[in-house]
Amino acid sequence: MAKKVSKNARIAQRAANVGSGRDFVKVVKSIKNPETGHYTFKELFIHKEEVDSFFSDTK
């Protein structure tokens, strides 16, 4: 059987993995076509800190 990993060890592992894929999130933005009224969806994987700027763009 495998040994259990203590909580402190897991926190240390998380600190060592800074900048890994856990800092990225998938965002989906719906964009309405003014001519037809249909929606298209823009899906991206971006860094957590850029989420607000992604949704604030009105393009």
Protein backbone atom coordinates (compact mmCIF):
# COMPACT_ATOMS: atom_id res chain seq x y z
CA MET A 1 0.00 0.00 0.00
CA ALA A 2 1.09 3.52 -0.68
CA LYS A 3 1.91 5.88 2.11
CA LYS A 4 -0.40 8.78 2.77
CA VAL A 5 1.01 12.20 1.94
CA SER A 6 0.73 14.80 4.66
CA LYS A 7 -1.10 18.07 4.04
CA ASN A 8 2.11 20.06 4.46
CA ALA A 9 3.83 18.01 1.78
CA ARG A 10 0.97 18.66 -0.64
CA ILE A 11 1.19 22.41 -0.01
CA ALA A 12 4.91 22.30 -0.68
CA GLN A 13 4.28 20.44 -3.94
CA ARG A 14 1.76 23.07 -4.99
CA ALA A 15 4.27 25.83 -4.30
CA ALA A 16 6.84 23.98 -6.40
CA ASN A 17 4.41 23.74 -9.33
CA VAL A 18 3.78 27.49 -9.58
CA GLY A 19 3.40 28.44 -13.22
CA SER A 20 2.08 25.06 -14.21
CA GLY A 21 -1.16 24.32 -16.03
CA ARG A 22 -3.24 24.89 -12.91
CA ASP A 23 -2.92 28.63 -13.46
CA PHE A 24 -4.86 28.43 -16.73
CA VAL A 25 -8.63 28.29 -17.05
CA LYS A 26 -11.02 27.70 -19.93
CA VAL A 27 -13.31 30.64 -20.66
CA VAL A 28 -16.29 30.75 -23.01
CA LYS A 29 -17.72 34.02 -24.30
CA SER A 30 -20.94 34.24 -26.30
CA ILE A 31 -20.95 36.77 -29.13
CA LYS A 32 -24.20 37.75 -30.83
CA ASN A 33 -24.20 38.47 -34.55
CA PRO A 34 -26.15 41.74 -34.99
CA GLU A 35 -27.31 40.83 -38.51
CA THR A 36 -28.71 37.35 -37.92
CA GLY A 37 -29.19 37.30 -34.15
CA HIS A 38 -27.34 34.00 -33.86
CA TYR A 39 -24.74 33.40 -31.18
CA THR A 40 -21.20 32.14 -31.66
CA PHE A 41 -18.96 31.04 -28.84
CA LYS A 42 -15.33 31.97 -28.36
CA GLU A 43 -13.46 29.42 -26.23
CA LEU A 44 -9.93 30.00 -24.95
CA PHE A 45 -7.52 28.77 -22.32
CA ILE A 46 -6.05 31.83 -20.63
CA HIS A 47 -4.20 32.65 -17.43
CA LYS A 48 -6.33 33.25 -14.34
CA GLU A 49 -5.20 36.86 -14.07
CA GLU A 50 -6.39 37.73 -17.60
CA VAL A 51 -10.00 36.58 -17.16
CA ASP A 52 -11.37 40.03 -16.28
CA SER A 53 -9.73 41.67 -19.29
CA PHE A 54 -11.07 38.90 -21.58
CA PHE A 55 -14.66 39.54 -20.52
CA SER A 56 -14.31 43.34 -20.44
CA ASP A 57 -13.44 43.48 -24.17
CA THR A 58 -16.51 44.35 -26.22
CA LYS A 59 -15.11 43.06 -29.53
